[in-house]
Amino acid sequence: MAAGPDKAIKRPLYLGVDGGGSKCRAILVDADLQLLGSGLGGPANPLHGFEQTLNSIICATDAALAEAGLQPQAKSELISGLGLAGVNLPSLYQQVKNWSHPFAQLFLTTDLHIASLGAHRGEEGSVIVAGTGSCGYAQVNGQTTILGAHGFPFGDQGSGAWMGLEAIKVVLLASDGLGPSTCLTQMFAEQLGVEGVMIVDKFAGAGSSEYAQLSALVLRAAEAGDAVALSIVKEGTAYLDAIAEKLWQTGVKRLSLIGGLGQALRSWLAPATLARLSEPLMQPEWGAVYFAQQEHGNISGT
């Protein structure tokens, strides 16, 4: 959407960026939080590539500026809220903080924080993220709780990447006659064009987003009643159920399930978990805008 003539845009301008393992999404809004433009970039988890992350942020930002009818040079006046996967690790947080960014101001936090701010429209709350990765987050009375967020392949149970890796493991076991047969074997052969040890060759050096692409096959096989796929999905959602229970113990008032797999996994969650979920009010990139606005206000004293 074009914002119209530059002079009609009310300053200051806020940029909200949600950077995850599969993609980076940016939105540009004016001082009244009116949406001016949006853009997409590639993966933006610095754990899996710092330069790729920066390139994705700039790509998404330039696309949002273009949709707003602004030139790339306008980055220099943006008050930016940046929520990234991976920056819960102190070393990665500092690396991004040290970036000689092109913005007027940059406020950095985790993708979990902005996801929660978005889901609860700038207010405190809690989220379970189920996408390329998985984790739980709660903020109550200024106190933050993070569950999981260990990153792939160290954790992220119930996530798309985790499902993909677990599926590869069971398919390889089945190909050697050391594990139960599964329809995933044929599904992988049809989608990937390889079988057996050649799956290992194909995924050597693959990133979490590539593993996550296999999660759709796992869910399809589980829905068809495949016992092996069912076991993977049930193990993953049991972990998410456990996260939900721990988050409720923080005293949080609202809990939302978000992420690319959130909707697909709802039917696999425990009824007690489902009954207490609240629909997210806004997307994570809006949470990044709220964060930028709040931090900018703290600094300027407004």
Protein backbone atom coordinates (compact mmCIF):
# COMPACT_ATOMS: atom_id res chain seq x y z
CA MET A 1 0.00 0.00 0.00
CA ALA A 2 1.34 3.44 -0.83
CA ALA A 3 1.20 5.98 1.94
CA GLY A 4 0.73 8.94 -0.40
CA PRO A 5 3.01 11.98 -0.56
CA ASP A 6 5.89 11.99 1.90
CA LYS A 7 4.66 15.24 3.47
CA ALA A 8 1.40 13.53 4.48
CA ILE A 9 3.19 10.99 6.67
CA LYS A 10 3.11 11.87 10.36
CA ARG A 11 6.47 11.54 12.12
CA PRO A 12 8.12 9.91 13.95
CA LEU A 13 8.18 6.71 11.91
CA TYR A 14 8.38 3.35 13.65
CA LEU A 15 9.74 0.13 12.16
CA GLY A 16 8.79 -3.22 13.66
CA VAL A 17 10.87 -6.25 12.68
CA ASP A 18 10.13 -9.87 13.52
CA GLY A 19 13.14 -12.03 12.63
CA GLY A 20 12.81 -15.80 12.83
CA GLY A 21 14.46 -18.94 11.55
CA SER A 22 12.51 -19.02 8.29
CA LYS A 23 11.77 -15.39 7.44
CA CYS A 24 11.95 -11.77 8.51
CA ARG A 25 8.88 -9.54 8.45
CA ALA A 26 8.94 -5.76 8.80
CA ILE A 27 6.17 -3.18 9.08
CA LEU A 28 6.42 0.60 8.92
CA VAL A 29 3.93 2.78 10.80
CA ASP A 30 3.53 6.49 11.46
CA ALA A 31 3.22 8.33 14.76
CA ASP A 32 -0.46 7.33 15.00
CA LEU A 33 0.41 3.67 14.37
CA GLN A 34 -1.16 3.76 10.93
CA LEU A 35 0.34 1.06 8.71
CA LEU A 36 2.35 2.54 5.86
CA GLY A 37 4.04 -0.52 4.39
CA SER A 38 5.32 -4.04 5.01
CA GLY A 39 8.09 -6.22 3.66
CA LEU A 40 9.58 -9.70 3.83
CA GLY A 41 13.17 -10.92 4.02
CA GLY A 42 14.92 -14.25 4.46
CA PRO A 43 15.95 -16.10 7.64
CA ALA A 44 16.94 -13.81 10.51
CA ASN A 45 18.25 -15.96 13.37
CA PRO A 46 21.86 -14.85 14.02
CA LEU A 47 22.61 -18.26 15.52
CA HIS A 48 22.43 -19.63 11.98
CA GLY A 49 24.13 -16.74 10.18
CA PHE A 50 24.85 -13.21 11.34
CA GLU A 51 25.35 -11.63 7.90
CA GLN A 52 22.24 -13.38 6.58
CA THR A 53 20.28 -11.92 9.48
CA LEU A 54 21.42 -8.37 8.76
CA ASN A 55 20.72 -8.79 5.04
CA SER A 56 17.22 -10.08 5.79
CA ILE A 57 16.46 -7.13 8.07
CA ILE A 58 17.59 -4.61 5.44
CA CYS A 59 15.72 -6.43 2.66
CA ALA A 60 12.46 -6.45 4.65
CA THR A 61 12.92 -2.82 5.68
CA ASP A 62 13.58 -1.62 2.13
CA ALA A 63 10.48 -3.47 0.93
CA ALA A 64 8.37 -1.78 3.64
CA LEU A 65 9.78 1.63 2.75
CA ALA A 66 9.10 1.06 -0.94
CA GLU A 67 5.49 0.11 -0.22
CA ALA A 68 5.16 3.30 1.81
CA GLY A 69 6.48 5.35 -1.12
CA LEU A 70 9.75 6.17 0.66
CA GLN A 71 13.34 5.85 -0.50
CA PRO A 72 15.87 3.45 1.10
CA GLN A 73 17.68 6.47 2.57
CA ALA A 74 14.68 7.00 4.87
CA LYS A 75 16.06 4.22 7.07
CA SER A 76 18.07 6.95 8.79
CA GLU A 77 14.93 8.41 10.38
CA LEU A 78 13.31 5.17 11.55
CA ILE A 79 12.86 4.30 15.23
CA SER A 80 13.25 0.55 14.99
CA GLY A 81 12.11 -2.25 17.24
CA LEU A 82 13.91 -5.47 16.42
CA GLY A 83 12.82 -8.83 17.80
CA LEU A 84 15.11 -11.68 16.78
CA ALA A 85 15.27 -15.40 17.39
CA GLY A 86 18.52 -16.43 19.04
CA VAL A 87 19.31 -13.19 20.89
CA ASN A 88 18.26 -14.74 24.18
CA LEU A 89 21.90 -15.94 24.01
CA PRO A 90 24.02 -13.09 25.46
CA SER A 91 26.80 -13.41 22.88
CA LEU A 92 24.37 -13.05 19.96
CA TYR A 93 22.51 -10.21 21.65
CA GLN A 94 25.77 -8.29 22.00
CA GLN A 95 26.78 -9.03 18.43
CA VAL A 96 23.58 -7.52 17.08
CA LYS A 97 23.79 -4.58 19.53
CA ASN A 98 27.25 -3.81 18.11
CA TRP A 99 25.87 -3.60 14.56
CA SER A 100 26.49 -0.25 12.86
CA HIS A 101 22.87 -0.12 11.80
CA PRO A 102 21.40 2.48 9.42
CA PHE A 103 18.47 3.50 11.64
CA ALA A 104 17.93 6.60 13.76
CA GLN A 105 17.50 4.34 16.79
CA LEU A 106 17.41 0.60 17.24
CA PHE A 107 15.90 -1.20 20.22
CA LEU A 108 16.71 -4.90 20.38
CA THR A 109 14.85 -7.69 22.15
CA THR A 110 13.91 -11.32 21.61
CA ASP A 111 11.34 -12.57 19.15
CA LEU A 112 9.52 -13.99 22.19
CA HIS A 113 9.11 -10.57 23.77
CA ILE A 114 7.65 -8.98 20.65
CA ALA A 115 5.45 -12.01 20.01
CA SER A 116 3.92 -11.59 23.45
CA LEU A 117 3.53 -7.81 23.06
CA GLY A 118 1.79 -8.37 19.74
CA ALA A 119 -0.47 -11.13 21.00
CA HIS A 120 -1.63 -8.94 23.89
CA ARG A 121 -1.59 -5.57 22.09
CA GLY A 122 1.34 -4.08 23.94
CA GLU A 123 0.35 -5.44 27.36
CA GLU A 124 1.94 -8.13 29.51
CA GLY A 125 0.98 -11.71 28.79
CA SER A 126 2.28 -15.06 27.66
CA VAL A 127 2.81 -17.00 24.45
CA ILE A 128 3.75 -20.45 23.28
CA VAL A 129 5.59 -20.26 19.99
CA ALA A 130 5.31 -23.24 17.65
CA GLY A 131 6.93 -22.53 14.30
CA THR A 132 10.37 -23.33 12.92
CA GLY A 133 11.39 -23.36 16.60
CA SER A 134 9.41 -23.60 19.83
CA CYS A 135 9.42 -22.02 23.28
CA GLY A 136 7.32 -20.40 25.96
CA TYR A 137 7.41 -16.83 27.26
CA ALA A 138 5.62 -14.93 30.01
CA GLN A 139 5.89 -11.44 31.43
CA VAL A 140 4.09 -10.74 34.68
CA ASN A 141 4.65 -7.59 36.75
CA GLY A 142 7.85 -6.89 34.86
CA GLN A 143 9.26 -10.37 35.53
CA THR A 144 10.14 -12.49 32.50
CA THR A 145 9.99 -16.28 32.23
CA ILE A 146 11.44 -18.11 29.21
CA LEU A 147 10.96 -21.85 28.77
CA GLY A 148 12.89 -23.65 26.07
CA ALA A 149 14.30 -21.35 23.37
CA HIS A 150 17.40 -23.54 23.30
CA GLY A 151 17.47 -23.55 19.54
CA PHE A 152 17.67 -26.29 16.96
CA PRO A 153 18.98 -28.98 17.24
CA PHE A 154 19.50 -28.65 21.00
CA GLY A 155 15.80 -28.38 21.87
CA ASP A 156 12.72 -26.84 20.26
CA GLN A 157 10.52 -29.90 20.80
CA GLY A 158 7.19 -29.60 19.06
CA SER A 159 8.61 -27.26 16.43
CA GLY A 160 8.69 -27.74 12.69
CA ALA A 161 12.47 -28.22 12.63
CA TRP A 162 12.34 -30.74 15.48
CA MET A 163 9.57 -32.71 13.76
CA GLY A 164 11.56 -32.79 10.55
CA LEU A 165 14.69 -34.08 12.27
CA GLU A 166 12.78 -36.69 14.27
CA ALA A 167 11.10 -37.86 11.06
CA ILE A 168 14.44 -38.26 9.30
CA LYS A 169 15.71 -40.35 12.21
CA VAL A 170 12.79 -42.77 12.11
CA VAL A 171 12.87 -43.04 8.30
CA LEU A 172 16.58 -43.91 8.41
CA LEU A 173 15.96 -46.53 11.10
CA ALA A 174 13.15 -48.02 9.03
CA SER A 175 15.37 -48.11 5.93
CA ASP A 176 17.89 -50.25 7.84
CA GLY A 177 15.19 -52.54 9.19
CA LEU A 178 15.93 -51.37 12.73
CA GLY A 179 12.73 -49.46 13.31
CA PRO A 180 9.02 -49.74 12.52
CA SER A 181 7.88 -49.09 8.97
CA THR A 182 6.23 -45.75 8.29
CA CYS A 183 4.52 -44.08 5.38
CA LEU A 184 6.96 -41.23 5.91
CA THR A 185 9.51 -43.30 3.97
CA GLN A 186 7.50 -43.07 0.76
CA MET A 187 6.45 -39.49 1.42
CA PHE A 188 10.08 -38.44 1.85
CA ALA A 189 11.10 -40.29 -1.31
CA GLU A 190 8.43 -38.49 -3.31
CA GLN A 191 9.13 -35.01 -1.93
CA LEU A 192 12.91 -35.17 -1.58
CA GLY A 193 13.74 -37.48 -4.49
CA VAL A 194 16.14 -39.49 -2.32
CA GLU A 195 16.01 -42.47 0.04
CA GLY A 196 18.09 -44.07 2.78
CA VAL A 197 21.54 -42.65 3.39
CA MET A 198 21.06 -40.16 0.55
CA ILE A 199 18.70 -38.28 2.88
CA VAL A 200 21.72 -37.64 5.10
CA ASP A 201 23.67 -36.41 2.10
CA LYS A 202 20.82 -34.08 1.12
CA PHE A 203 20.48 -32.55 4.58
CA ALA A 204 24.20 -32.19 5.36
CA GLY A 205 24.58 -28.53 6.31
CA ALA A 206 20.83 -27.82 6.12
CA GLY A 207 19.35 -25.12 8.32
CA SER A 208 16.41 -25.32 10.67
CA SER A 209 13.99 -23.90 8.09
CA GLU A 210 14.78 -26.75 5.69
CA TYR A 211 14.04 -29.34 8.37
CA ALA A 212 10.86 -27.47 9.25
CA GLN A 213 9.56 -27.93 5.71
CA LEU A 214 9.20 -31.65 6.48
CA SER A 215 6.77 -31.02 9.34
CA ALA A 216 3.81 -30.84 6.93
CA LEU A 217 4.53 -34.44 5.89
CA VAL A 218 4.72 -35.54 9.53
CA LEU A 219 1.36 -33.96 10.33
CA ARG A 220 -0.22 -35.42 7.20
CA ALA A 221 1.05 -38.89 8.09
CA ALA A 222 -0.17 -38.53 11.68
CA GLU A 223 -3.63 -37.49 10.50
CA ALA A 224 -3.65 -40.61 8.30
CA GLY A 225 -2.98 -42.74 11.39
CA ASP A 226 0.68 -43.60 10.83
CA ALA A 227 1.91 -44.81 14.23
CA VAL A 228 5.43 -43.45 13.86
CA ALA A 229 4.27 -39.98 12.82
CA LEU A 230 1.64 -40.03 15.58
CA SER A 231 4.36 -40.72 18.13
CA ILE A 232 6.38 -37.70 16.94
CA VAL A 233 3.42 -35.33 16.99
CA LYS A 234 2.20 -36.53 20.38
CA GLU A 235 5.66 -36.18 21.93
CA GLY A 236 5.97 -32.67 20.55
CA THR A 237 2.57 -31.48 21.70
CA ALA A 238 3.03 -33.06 25.13
CA TYR A 239 6.04 -30.78 25.50
CA LEU A 240 3.93 -27.76 24.51
CA ASP A 241 1.24 -28.81 27.00
CA ALA A 242 3.91 -28.94 29.72
CA ILE A 243 5.11 -25.46 28.76
CA ALA A 244 1.54 -24.15 28.98
CA GLU A 245 1.13 -25.51 32.49
CA LYS A 246 4.40 -23.93 33.65
CA LEU A 247 3.43 -20.59 32.12
CA TRP A 248 0.09 -20.53 33.92
CA GLN A 249 1.99 -20.99 37.19
CA THR A 250 3.58 -17.54 36.66
CA GLY A 251 0.18 -15.94 37.24
CA VAL A 252 -0.23 -14.72 33.69
CA LYS A 253 -3.73 -13.63 32.66
CA ARG A 254 -3.59 -14.38 28.92
CA LEU A 255 -1.81 -17.13 26.99
CA SER A 256 -1.77 -17.37 23.20
CA LEU A 257 -0.45 -20.03 20.84
CA ILE A 258 1.36 -18.49 17.88
CA GLY A 259 3.77 -19.45 15.11
CA GLY A 260 3.49 -21.13 11.74
CA LEU A 261 2.53 -24.50 13.26
CA GLY A 262 0.22 -23.10 15.92
CA GLN A 263 -3.03 -23.64 14.08
CA ALA A 264 -2.06 -27.08 12.78
CA LEU A 265 -1.14 -28.31 16.28
CA ARG A 266 -4.23 -27.06 18.10
CA SER A 267 -6.17 -30.28 17.58
CA TRP A 268 -3.29 -32.30 19.06
CA LEU A 269 -3.01 -30.33 22.29
CA ALA A 270 -4.62 -31.46 25.54
CA PRO A 271 -8.21 -30.18 26.01
CA ALA A 272 -7.14 -28.43 29.22
CA THR A 273 -4.53 -26.45 27.28
CA LEU A 274 -6.92 -25.53 24.48
CA ALA A 275 -9.63 -24.35 26.87
CA ARG A 276 -7.37 -21.68 28.38
CA LEU A 277 -5.85 -20.26 25.21
CA SER A 278 -6.72 -16.73 24.05
CA GLU A 279 -6.54 -15.68 20.42
CA PRO A 280 -3.56 -13.41 19.66
CA LEU A 281 -4.69 -9.82 19.10
CA MET A 282 -1.88 -8.72 16.78
CA GLN A 283 1.09 -10.22 14.96
CA PRO A 284 4.68 -10.21 16.37
CA GLU A 285 5.84 -7.43 14.04
CA TRP A 286 3.26 -5.18 15.72
CA GLY A 287 4.77 -6.21 19.04
CA ALA A 288 8.11 -4.92 17.73
CA VAL A 289 6.44 -1.59 16.94
CA TYR A 290 4.95 -1.39 20.45
CA PHE A 291 8.37 -2.19 21.88
CA ALA A 292 10.06 0.54 19.81
CA GLN A 293 7.41 3.06 20.82
CA GLN A 294 7.71 2.17 24.51
CA GLU A 295 11.51 2.29 24.52
CA HIS A 296 11.61 5.52 22.54
CA GLY A 297 9.16 7.04 25.01
CA ASN A 298 11.33 5.94 27.94
CA ILE A 299 14.37 7.64 26.44
CA SER A 300 12.64 10.83 25.37
CA GLY A 301 10.67 11.12 28.59
CA THR A 302 7.29 11.16 26.81
